[in-house]
Amino acid sequence: MSDRSEMGEFLRSRRSRLRPEDIGLPVWGRRRVPGLRREEVAHLAGVSVEYYVRLEQGRAEAVSAGIVDAIAIALRLTDDESRHLHNLARPPRSLSRAGQPLRPGLRQLLDSMTRTPAYVVGHHTEILGWNAAAVAMFGVDFAELPERERNWMRLVFFDPGIRALTAESWPTIAGHIAADMRLRAGHRPDDPELRALLRDMNERSPEFREFWETHEVNDFQYGRYRLRHPQAGDLHLDYELLDIPAEPGVRALIAFTAAPGTGTARALDALLESSTSEVKRTS
């Protein structure tokens, strides 16, 4: 799908969720479809109806930043949605992937986080590095996975163990991944590997396709997972996504913590202690 047609679909999806009364417009006559009419969006954005129609049809060229801002305001877009629309209208040039192992400093940082499950992801949600605490928490030895399957998005949608572990939070996690990848796709329009991955996900997973077709976009930087661990029981873990902009092939480090003094903190400590003891016995 081209960026122009993608922009048209995104505009239509955002237009359909608004009603005239939401933004103070009078309602005239019966409406065959939900949402604002193209004429109403054009009026609110201060552009001609013909120009806005060309935008939704993917036929407008050299769209100015000012017009994108005006349309974003007219459609009541969030900050992330507005950024996504700018990327679709004026595609940035993506950095090439490094295709190299993690820097020693990043590897050392992961290994030093002995009580904090953490992993590093690339721009395709591929898992580039992890620590022993992450292996214990997720119950997955990432080193044993084929490289193609060592991918957080694929694990969430296709791995039975991860789906069971995240069952209570799965709809939220899955929706967040799709919304985040929509944003990545707009930011990296000339990334063929990312486009191939998203095409494969849409073809293989009806669930992913359902989330994808909502056109939701969001840059999730933190949140909470509710896990049901087979050894540790119920875990309520906070995560932080720490961007690593200095590395072209690396997107972020994701770390999980538990609130001090909680049952989750005690259960996580016991799990990590047990895992460490098991490693010592088998080494």
C-alpha atoms as a PDB file:
ATOM      1  CA  MET A   1       0.000   0.000   0.000  1.00  0.00           C
ATOM      2  CA  SER A   2       1.366   3.439  -0.919  1.00  0.00           C
ATOM      3  CA  ASP A   3       1.714   6.241   1.607  1.00  0.00           C
ATOM      4  CA  ARG A   4      -0.912   8.245  -0.310  1.00  0.00           C
ATOM      5  CA  SER A   5      -3.549   5.515  -0.155  1.00  0.00           C
ATOM      6  CA  GLU A   6      -2.608   4.872   3.469  1.00  0.00           C
ATOM      7  CA  MET A   7      -3.196   8.563   4.204  1.00  0.00           C
ATOM      8  CA  GLY A   8      -6.601   8.389   2.528  1.00  0.00           C
ATOM      9  CA  GLU A   9      -7.663   5.410   4.636  1.00  0.00           C
ATOM     10  CA  PHE A  10      -6.412   7.089   7.801  1.00  0.00           C
ATOM     11  CA  LEU A  11      -8.314  10.309   7.052  1.00  0.00           C
ATOM     12  CA  ARG A  12     -11.520   8.396   6.346  1.00  0.00           C
ATOM     13  CA  SER A  13     -11.172   6.396   9.566  1.00  0.00           C
ATOM     14  CA  ARG A  14     -10.689   9.543  11.661  1.00  0.00           C
ATOM     15  CA  ARG A  15     -13.513  11.384   9.855  1.00  0.00           C
ATOM     16  CA  SER A  16     -15.942   8.518  10.479  1.00  0.00           C
ATOM     17  CA  ARG A  17     -15.539   8.652  14.254  1.00  0.00           C
ATOM     18  CA  LEU A  18     -16.686  12.282  14.588  1.00  0.00           C
ATOM     19  CA  ARG A  19     -20.271  13.521  14.613  1.00  0.00           C
ATOM     20  CA  PRO A  20     -21.325  17.060  13.660  1.00  0.00           C
ATOM     21  CA  GLU A  21     -22.647  17.724  17.150  1.00  0.00           C
ATOM     22  CA  ASP A  22     -19.248  16.753  18.623  1.00  0.00           C
ATOM     23  CA  ILE A  23     -17.696  19.837  17.060  1.00  0.00           C
ATOM     24  CA  GLY A  24     -20.626  22.251  17.103  1.00  0.00           C
ATOM     25  CA  LEU A  25     -21.869  21.806  13.537  1.00  0.00           C
ATOM     26  CA  PRO A  26     -25.601  21.790  12.772  1.00  0.00           C
ATOM     27  CA  VAL A  27     -27.073  18.512  11.512  1.00  0.00           C
ATOM     28  CA  TRP A  28     -28.817  18.833   8.142  1.00  0.00           C
ATOM     29  CA  GLY A  29     -30.811  15.967   6.684  1.00  0.00           C
ATOM     30  CA  ARG A  30     -30.293  12.246   6.961  1.00  0.00           C
ATOM     31  CA  ARG A  31     -26.806  10.776   6.872  1.00  0.00           C
ATOM     32  CA  ARG A  32     -26.182   7.524   5.035  1.00  0.00           C
ATOM     33  CA  VAL A  33     -22.853   6.869   6.761  1.00  0.00           C
ATOM     34  CA  PRO A  34     -21.551   7.805  10.227  1.00  0.00           C
ATOM     35  CA  GLY A  35     -19.112  10.616  10.791  1.00  0.00           C
ATOM     36  CA  LEU A  36     -18.395  13.964   9.214  1.00  0.00           C
ATOM     37  CA  ARG A  37     -18.834  14.626   5.535  1.00  0.00           C
ATOM     38  CA  ARG A  38     -15.830  15.573   3.427  1.00  0.00           C
ATOM     39  CA  GLU A  39     -17.351  19.010   2.905  1.00  0.00           C
ATOM     40  CA  GLU A  40     -17.501  19.576   6.653  1.00  0.00           C
ATOM     41  CA  VAL A  41     -13.865  18.593   7.210  1.00  0.00           C
ATOM     42  CA  ALA A  42     -12.782  20.826   4.326  1.00  0.00           C
ATOM     43  CA  HIS A  43     -14.734  23.733   5.813  1.00  0.00           C
ATOM     44  CA  LEU A  44     -13.229  23.223   9.264  1.00  0.00           C
ATOM     45  CA  ALA A  45      -9.699  22.945   7.844  1.00  0.00           C
ATOM     46  CA  GLY A  46     -10.081  25.947   5.564  1.00  0.00           C
ATOM     47  CA  VAL A  47      -9.344  24.070   2.321  1.00  0.00           C
ATOM     48  CA  SER A  48     -11.462  23.517  -0.761  1.00  0.00           C
ATOM     49  CA  VAL A  49     -13.660  20.440  -0.947  1.00  0.00           C
ATOM     50  CA  GLU A  50     -11.927  19.425  -4.180  1.00  0.00           C
ATOM     51  CA  TYR A  51      -8.503  19.536  -2.500  1.00  0.00           C
ATOM     52  CA  TYR A  52      -9.649  17.526   0.505  1.00  0.00           C
ATOM     53  CA  VAL A  53     -11.209  14.911  -1.796  1.00  0.00           C
ATOM     54  CA  ARG A  54      -7.861  14.603  -3.591  1.00  0.00           C
ATOM     55  CA  LEU A  55      -6.185  14.028  -0.222  1.00  0.00           C
ATOM     56  CA  GLU A  56      -8.534  11.169   0.661  1.00  0.00           C
ATOM     57  CA  GLN A  57      -8.089   9.707  -2.818  1.00  0.00           C
ATOM     58  CA  GLY A  58      -4.307   9.855  -2.538  1.00  0.00           C
ATOM     59  CA  ARG A  59      -3.968  12.279  -5.473  1.00  0.00           C
ATOM     60  CA  ALA A  60      -2.614  15.382  -3.700  1.00  0.00           C
ATOM     61  CA  GLU A  61       1.092  16.137  -4.010  1.00  0.00           C
ATOM     62  CA  ALA A  62       3.414  18.334  -1.919  1.00  0.00           C
ATOM     63  CA  VAL A  63       0.996  18.738   0.979  1.00  0.00           C
ATOM     64  CA  SER A  64       2.178  21.590   3.179  1.00  0.00           C
ATOM     65  CA  ALA A  65       2.745  21.210   6.901  1.00  0.00           C
ATOM     66  CA  GLY A  66       0.213  23.985   7.508  1.00  0.00           C
ATOM     67  CA  ILE A  67      -2.546  22.109   5.701  1.00  0.00           C
ATOM     68  CA  VAL A  68      -1.728  18.933   7.617  1.00  0.00           C
ATOM     69  CA  ASP A  69      -1.930  20.879  10.896  1.00  0.00           C
ATOM     70  CA  ALA A  70      -5.281  22.390   9.886  1.00  0.00           C
ATOM     71  CA  ILE A  71      -6.737  18.978   9.022  1.00  0.00           C
ATOM     72  CA  ALA A  72      -5.372  17.480  12.250  1.00  0.00           C
ATOM     73  CA  ILE A  73      -7.160  20.202  14.237  1.00  0.00           C
ATOM     74  CA  ALA A  74     -10.370  19.754  12.238  1.00  0.00           C
ATOM     75  CA  LEU A  75     -10.380  15.999  12.893  1.00  0.00           C
ATOM     76  CA  ARG A  76      -9.471  16.414  16.587  1.00  0.00           C
ATOM     77  CA  LEU A  77      -6.389  14.223  16.192  1.00  0.00           C
ATOM     78  CA  THR A  78      -4.242  13.313  19.174  1.00  0.00           C
ATOM     79  CA  ASP A  79      -0.565  14.288  19.183  1.00  0.00           C
ATOM     80  CA  ASP A  80       0.438  10.799  18.008  1.00  0.00           C
ATOM     81  CA  GLU A  81      -2.240  10.783  15.307  1.00  0.00           C
ATOM     82  CA  SER A  82      -1.142  14.222  14.119  1.00  0.00           C
ATOM     83  CA  ARG A  83       2.473  13.065  13.924  1.00  0.00           C
ATOM     84  CA  HIS A  84       1.347  10.006  11.973  1.00  0.00           C
ATOM     85  CA  LEU A  85      -0.575  12.173   9.497  1.00  0.00           C
ATOM     86  CA  HIS A  86       2.485  14.387   8.984  1.00  0.00           C
ATOM     87  CA  ASN A  87       4.594  11.275   8.287  1.00  0.00           C
ATOM     88  CA  LEU A  88       2.057   9.997   5.752  1.00  0.00           C
ATOM     89  CA  ALA A  89       1.732  13.370   4.018  1.00  0.00           C
ATOM     90  CA  ARG A  90       5.459  14.183   4.044  1.00  0.00           C
ATOM     91  CA  PRO A  91       7.293  10.852   4.429  1.00  0.00           C
ATOM     92  CA  PRO A  92      10.612  11.131   6.277  1.00  0.00           C
ATOM     93  CA  ARG A  93      13.657   9.224   5.145  1.00  0.00           C
ATOM     94  CA  SER A  94      14.191   6.195   7.369  1.00  0.00           C
ATOM     95  CA  LEU A  95      17.564   5.369   8.851  1.00  0.00           C
ATOM     96  CA  SER A  96      18.967   2.111   7.579  1.00  0.00           C
ATOM     97  CA  ARG A  97      19.194  -0.776  10.005  1.00  0.00           C
ATOM     98  CA  ALA A  98      22.596  -1.469  11.421  1.00  0.00           C
ATOM     99  CA  GLY A  99      22.269  -5.249  11.279  1.00  0.00           C
ATOM    100  CA  GLN A 100      24.956  -5.573  13.928  1.00  0.00           C
ATOM    101  CA  PRO A 101      25.084  -7.078  17.442  1.00  0.00           C
ATOM    102  CA  LEU A 102      24.343  -4.875  20.405  1.00  0.00           C
ATOM    103  CA  ARG A 103      27.062  -2.514  21.506  1.00  0.00           C
ATOM    104  CA  PRO A 104      29.029  -3.936  24.450  1.00  0.00           C
ATOM    105  CA  GLY A 105      27.726  -1.111  26.623  1.00  0.00           C
ATOM    106  CA  LEU A 106      24.102  -2.062  25.965  1.00  0.00           C
ATOM    107  CA  ARG A 107      24.868  -5.722  26.532  1.00  0.00           C
ATOM    108  CA  GLN A 108      26.556  -4.863  29.843  1.00  0.00           C
ATOM    109  CA  LEU A 109      23.581  -2.726  30.878  1.00  0.00           C
ATOM    110  CA  LEU A 110      21.176  -5.611  30.278  1.00  0.00           C
ATOM    111  CA  ASP A 111      23.345  -8.081  32.156  1.00  0.00           C
ATOM    112  CA  SER A 112      23.726  -5.713  35.109  1.00  0.00           C
ATOM    113  CA  MET A 113      19.924  -5.580  35.576  1.00  0.00           C
ATOM    114  CA  THR A 114      19.845  -8.854  37.478  1.00  0.00           C
ATOM    115  CA  ARG A 115      16.583  -8.083  39.323  1.00  0.00           C
ATOM    116  CA  THR A 116      14.885  -6.262  36.448  1.00  0.00           C
ATOM    117  CA  PRO A 117      13.519  -8.187  33.443  1.00  0.00           C
ATOM    118  CA  ALA A 118      14.508  -6.255  30.334  1.00  0.00           C
ATOM    119  CA  TYR A 119      15.050  -6.642  26.616  1.00  0.00           C
ATOM    120  CA  VAL A 120      16.087  -4.478  23.670  1.00  0.00           C
ATOM    121  CA  VAL A 121      13.955  -4.240  20.515  1.00  0.00           C
ATOM    122  CA  GLY A 122      14.576  -2.989  17.009  1.00  0.00           C
ATOM    123  CA  HIS A 123      12.206  -1.058  14.769  1.00  0.00           C
ATOM    124  CA  HIS A 124      10.377  -4.244  13.722  1.00  0.00           C
ATOM    125  CA  THR A 125       9.827  -5.388  17.352  1.00  0.00           C
ATOM    126  CA  GLU A 126      12.647  -7.889  16.818  1.00  0.00           C
ATOM    127  CA  ILE A 127      14.260  -8.829  20.137  1.00  0.00           C
ATOM    128  CA  LEU A 128      17.932  -7.906  19.821  1.00  0.00           C
ATOM    129  CA  GLY A 129      19.071  -8.590  23.373  1.00  0.00           C
ATOM    130  CA  TRP A 130      17.683  -9.716  26.718  1.00  0.00           C
ATOM    131  CA  ASN A 131      18.742 -10.619  30.223  1.00  0.00           C
ATOM    132  CA  ALA A 132      18.282 -13.715  32.358  1.00  0.00           C
ATOM    133  CA  ALA A 133      15.478 -12.036  34.335  1.00  0.00           C
ATOM    134  CA  ALA A 134      13.454 -11.588  31.125  1.00  0.00           C
ATOM    135  CA  VAL A 135      13.894 -15.261  30.264  1.00  0.00           C
ATOM    136  CA  ALA A 136      12.602 -16.240  33.722  1.00  0.00           C
ATOM    137  CA  MET A 137       9.638 -13.854  33.593  1.00  0.00           C
ATOM    138  CA  PHE A 138       8.471 -14.682  30.059  1.00  0.00           C
ATOM    139  CA  GLY A 139       9.372 -18.360  30.260  1.00  0.00           C
ATOM    140  CA  VAL A 140      11.015 -18.158  26.831  1.00  0.00           C
ATOM    141  CA  ASP A 141      14.674 -18.896  26.069  1.00  0.00           C
ATOM    142  CA  PHE A 142      15.031 -16.325  23.304  1.00  0.00           C
ATOM    143  CA  ALA A 143      18.380 -17.795  22.271  1.00  0.00           C
ATOM    144  CA  GLU A 144      16.631 -21.032  21.257  1.00  0.00           C
ATOM    145  CA  LEU A 145      14.135 -19.300  18.965  1.00  0.00           C
ATOM    146  CA  PRO A 146      14.743 -19.048  15.206  1.00  0.00           C
ATOM    147  CA  GLU A 147      15.775 -15.479  14.426  1.00  0.00           C
ATOM    148  CA  ARG A 148      12.573 -14.813  12.447  1.00  0.00           C
ATOM    149  CA  GLU A 149      10.431 -15.803  15.448  1.00  0.00           C
ATOM    150  CA  ARG A 150      12.504 -13.797  17.934  1.00  0.00           C
ATOM    151  CA  ASN A 151      10.092 -10.949  17.488  1.00  0.00           C
ATOM    152  CA  TRP A 152       7.791  -9.533  20.160  1.00  0.00           C
ATOM    153  CA  MET A 153       4.875  -8.947  17.793  1.00  0.00           C
ATOM    154  CA  ARG A 154       5.045 -12.505  16.424  1.00  0.00           C
ATOM    155  CA  LEU A 155       5.341 -13.941  19.944  1.00  0.00           C
ATOM    156  CA  VAL A 156       2.302 -12.019  21.209  1.00  0.00           C
ATOM    157  CA  PHE A 157       0.093 -13.133  18.327  1.00  0.00           C
ATOM    158  CA  PHE A 158       1.400 -16.633  17.613  1.00  0.00           C
ATOM    159  CA  ASP A 159       3.209 -18.120  20.637  1.00  0.00           C
ATOM    160  CA  PRO A 160       0.860 -20.184  22.879  1.00  0.00           C
ATOM    161  CA  GLY A 161       3.046 -19.703  25.953  1.00  0.00           C
ATOM    162  CA  ILE A 162       3.131 -15.917  25.646  1.00  0.00           C
ATOM    163  CA  ARG A 163      -0.594 -15.812  24.955  1.00  0.00           C
ATOM    164  CA  ALA A 164      -1.305 -17.849  28.091  1.00  0.00           C
ATOM    165  CA  LEU A 165       1.091 -15.733  30.161  1.00  0.00           C
ATOM    166  CA  THR A 166      -0.483 -12.446  29.007  1.00  0.00           C
ATOM    167  CA  ALA A 167      -4.085 -13.675  28.811  1.00  0.00           C
ATOM    168  CA  GLU A 168      -5.590 -10.987  31.068  1.00  0.00           C
ATOM    169  CA  SER A 169      -3.737  -8.174  29.308  1.00  0.00           C
ATOM    170  CA  TRP A 170      -3.594  -9.728  25.837  1.00  0.00           C
ATOM    171  CA  PRO A 171      -6.228  -7.546  24.074  1.00  0.00           C
ATOM    172  CA  THR A 172      -4.573  -4.403  25.420  1.00  0.00           C
ATOM    173  CA  ILE A 173      -1.039  -5.555  24.558  1.00  0.00           C
ATOM    174  CA  ALA A 174      -2.074  -6.675  21.063  1.00  0.00           C
ATOM    175  CA  GLY A 175      -3.920  -3.428  20.377  1.00  0.00           C
ATOM    176  CA  HIS A 176      -0.957  -1.382  21.594  1.00  0.00           C
ATOM    177  CA  ILE A 177       1.400  -3.274  19.287  1.00  0.00           C
ATOM    178  CA  ALA A 178      -0.798  -2.671  16.231  1.00  0.00           C
ATOM    179  CA  ALA A 179      -1.215   1.026  17.084  1.00  0.00           C
ATOM    180  CA  ASP A 180       2.509   1.437  17.651  1.00  0.00           C
ATOM    181  CA  MET A 181       3.394  -0.337  14.410  1.00  0.00           C
ATOM    182  CA  ARG A 182       1.008   1.931  12.495  1.00  0.00           C
ATOM    183  CA  LEU A 183       3.082   4.814  13.803  1.00  0.00           C
ATOM    184  CA  ARG A 184       6.372   3.050  12.909  1.00  0.00           C
ATOM    185  CA  ALA A 185       5.132   2.347   9.374  1.00  0.00           C
ATOM    186  CA  GLY A 186       4.354   6.022   8.825  1.00  0.00           C
ATOM    187  CA  HIS A 187       7.749   7.029  10.200  1.00  0.00           C
ATOM    188  CA  ARG A 188       9.689   4.447   8.140  1.00  0.00           C
ATOM    189  CA  PRO A 189       7.993   4.453   4.720  1.00  0.00           C
ATOM    190  CA  ASP A 190      11.048   3.159   2.852  1.00  0.00           C
ATOM    191  CA  ASP A 191      11.696   0.188   5.148  1.00  0.00           C
ATOM    192  CA  PRO A 192      10.972  -2.922   3.016  1.00  0.00           C
ATOM    193  CA  GLU A 193      11.505  -5.351   5.892  1.00  0.00           C
ATOM    194  CA  LEU A 194       8.913  -3.567   8.012  1.00  0.00           C
ATOM    195  CA  ARG A 195       6.408  -3.556   5.150  1.00  0.00           C
ATOM    196  CA  ALA A 196       7.004  -7.266   4.533  1.00  0.00           C
ATOM    197  CA  LEU A 197       6.492  -8.027   8.239  1.00  0.00           C
ATOM    198  CA  LEU A 198       3.226  -6.083   8.404  1.00  0.00           C
ATOM    199  CA  ARG A 199       1.971  -7.713   5.215  1.00  0.00           C
ATOM    200  CA  ASP A 200       2.746 -11.140   6.670  1.00  0.00           C
ATOM    201  CA  MET A 201       1.000 -10.291   9.954  1.00  0.00           C
ATOM    202  CA  ASN A 202      -2.115  -9.110   8.130  1.00  0.00           C
ATOM    203  CA  GLU A 203      -2.189 -12.281   6.022  1.00  0.00           C
ATOM    204  CA  ARG A 204      -1.515 -14.757   8.861  1.00  0.00           C
ATOM    205  CA  SER A 205      -3.451 -13.243  11.752  1.00  0.00           C
ATOM    206  CA  PRO A 206      -7.112 -12.191  11.490  1.00  0.00           C
ATOM    207  CA  GLU A 207      -6.762 -10.780  15.012  1.00  0.00           C
ATOM    208  CA  PHE A 208      -3.882  -8.540  14.014  1.00  0.00           C
ATOM    209  CA  ARG A 209      -5.739  -7.493  10.880  1.00  0.00           C
ATOM    210  CA  GLU A 210      -8.755  -6.474  12.979  1.00  0.00           C
ATOM    211  CA  PHE A 211      -6.593  -4.256  15.191  1.00  0.00           C
ATOM    212  CA  TRP A 212      -4.688  -2.906  12.170  1.00  0.00           C
ATOM    213  CA  GLU A 213      -7.818  -1.857  10.309  1.00  0.00           C
ATOM    214  CA  THR A 214      -8.903   0.447  13.131  1.00  0.00           C
ATOM    215  CA  HIS A 215      -6.054   2.790  12.074  1.00  0.00           C
ATOM    216  CA  GLU A 216      -5.315   3.571  15.711  1.00  0.00           C
ATOM    217  CA  VAL A 217      -1.873   5.100  16.274  1.00  0.00           C
ATOM    218  CA  ASN A 218      -0.111   5.618  19.585  1.00  0.00           C
ATOM    219  CA  ASP A 219       3.446   5.832  20.877  1.00  0.00           C
ATOM    220  CA  PHE A 220       3.223   3.857  24.100  1.00  0.00           C
ATOM    221  CA  GLN A 221       6.120   4.674  26.419  1.00  0.00           C
ATOM    222  CA  TYR A 222       4.912   3.033  29.616  1.00  0.00           C
ATOM    223  CA  GLY A 223       2.120   0.887  30.966  1.00  0.00           C
ATOM    224  CA  ARG A 224       1.276  -2.188  32.993  1.00  0.00           C
ATOM    225  CA  TYR A 225       1.177  -5.890  32.197  1.00  0.00           C
ATOM    226  CA  ARG A 226      -0.928  -8.350  34.154  1.00  0.00           C
ATOM    227  CA  LEU A 227       0.734 -11.745  33.795  1.00  0.00           C
ATOM    228  CA  ARG A 228      -0.336 -15.150  35.033  1.00  0.00           C
ATOM    229  CA  HIS A 229       2.966 -16.925  35.540  1.00  0.00           C
ATOM    230  CA  PRO A 230       2.931 -20.738  35.961  1.00  0.00           C
ATOM    231  CA  GLN A 231       5.420 -20.545  38.868  1.00  0.00           C
ATOM    232  CA  ALA A 232       5.059 -17.054  40.301  1.00  0.00           C
ATOM    233  CA  GLY A 233       1.289 -16.656  39.988  1.00  0.00           C
ATOM    234  CA  ASP A 234      -0.356 -13.307  39.182  1.00  0.00           C
ATOM    235  CA  LEU A 235       2.130 -10.513  38.483  1.00  0.00           C
ATOM    236  CA  HIS A 236       1.242  -6.853  38.002  1.00  0.00           C
ATOM    237  CA  LEU A 237       4.313  -5.308  36.386  1.00  0.00           C
ATOM    238  CA  ASP A 238       4.971  -1.754  35.221  1.00  0.00           C
ATOM    239  CA  TYR A 239       7.005  -1.302  32.055  1.00  0.00           C
ATOM    240  CA  GLU A 240       9.016   1.632  30.750  1.00  0.00           C
ATOM    241  CA  LEU A 241      10.113   1.954  27.130  1.00  0.00           C
ATOM    242  CA  LEU A 242      13.405   3.852  26.966  1.00  0.00           C
ATOM    243  CA  ASP A 243      14.227   5.093  23.464  1.00  0.00           C
ATOM    244  CA  ILE A 244      17.793   4.619  22.205  1.00  0.00           C
ATOM    245  CA  PRO A 245      18.044   7.120  19.329  1.00  0.00           C
ATOM    246  CA  ALA A 246      21.836   6.889  19.010  1.00  0.00           C
ATOM    247  CA  GLU A 247      21.636   3.381  17.506  1.00  0.00           C
ATOM    248  CA  PRO A 248      20.141   3.250  13.959  1.00  0.00           C
ATOM    249  CA  GLY A 249      19.089  -0.408  14.253  1.00  0.00           C
ATOM    250  CA  VAL A 250      17.839  -0.208  17.832  1.00  0.00           C
ATOM    251  CA  ARG A 251      14.579   1.303  18.937  1.00  0.00           C
ATOM    252  CA  ALA A 252      14.370   0.948  22.713  1.00  0.00           C
ATOM    253  CA  LEU A 253      15.120  -0.886  25.931  1.00  0.00           C
ATOM    254  CA  ILE A 254      12.004  -2.145  27.713  1.00  0.00           C
ATOM    255  CA  ALA A 255      12.269  -2.812  31.444  1.00  0.00           C
ATOM    256  CA  PHE A 256       9.728  -4.283  33.889  1.00  0.00           C
ATOM    257  CA  THR A 257       9.462  -3.462  37.588  1.00  0.00           C
ATOM    258  CA  ALA A 258       7.107  -4.169  40.471  1.00  0.00           C
ATOM    259  CA  ALA A 259       5.964  -1.666  43.076  1.00  0.00           C
ATOM    260  CA  PRO A 260       8.068  -2.157  46.249  1.00  0.00           C
ATOM    261  CA  GLY A 261       6.469  -4.100  49.063  1.00  0.00           C
ATOM    262  CA  THR A 262       3.756  -5.671  46.918  1.00  0.00           C
ATOM    263  CA  GLY A 263       2.947  -9.318  46.437  1.00  0.00           C
ATOM    264  CA  THR A 264       4.171  -8.996  42.864  1.00  0.00           C
ATOM    265  CA  ALA A 265       7.557  -7.704  44.059  1.00  0.00           C
ATOM    266  CA  ARG A 266       7.940 -10.640  46.445  1.00  0.00           C
ATOM    267  CA  ALA A 267       6.810 -13.163  43.828  1.00  0.00           C
ATOM    268  CA  LEU A 268       9.170 -11.716  41.202  1.00  0.00           C
ATOM    269  CA  ASP A 269      12.103 -11.796  43.638  1.00  0.00           C
ATOM    270  CA  ALA A 270      11.353 -15.431  44.460  1.00  0.00           C
ATOM    271  CA  LEU A 271      11.082 -16.332  40.773  1.00  0.00           C
ATOM    272  CA  LEU A 272      14.388 -14.672  39.900  1.00  0.00           C
ATOM    273  CA  GLU A 273      16.114 -16.224  42.902  1.00  0.00           C
ATOM    274  CA  SER A 274      14.829 -19.670  41.926  1.00  0.00           C
ATOM    275  CA  SER A 275      15.927 -19.125  38.341  1.00  0.00           C
ATOM    276  CA  THR A 276      19.420 -18.064  39.415  1.00  0.00           C
ATOM    277  CA  SER A 277      19.746 -21.127  41.653  1.00  0.00           C
ATOM    278  CA  GLU A 278      18.622 -23.401  38.810  1.00  0.00           C
ATOM    279  CA  VAL A 279      21.218 -21.909  36.450  1.00  0.00           C
ATOM    280  CA  LYS A 280      23.952 -22.474  39.062  1.00  0.00           C
ATOM    281  CA  ARG A 281      22.902 -26.116  39.539  1.00  0.00           C
ATOM    282  CA  THR A 282      22.942 -26.876  35.826  1.00  0.00           C
ATOM    283  CA  SER A 283      26.125 -24.958  34.963  1.00  0.00           C
END
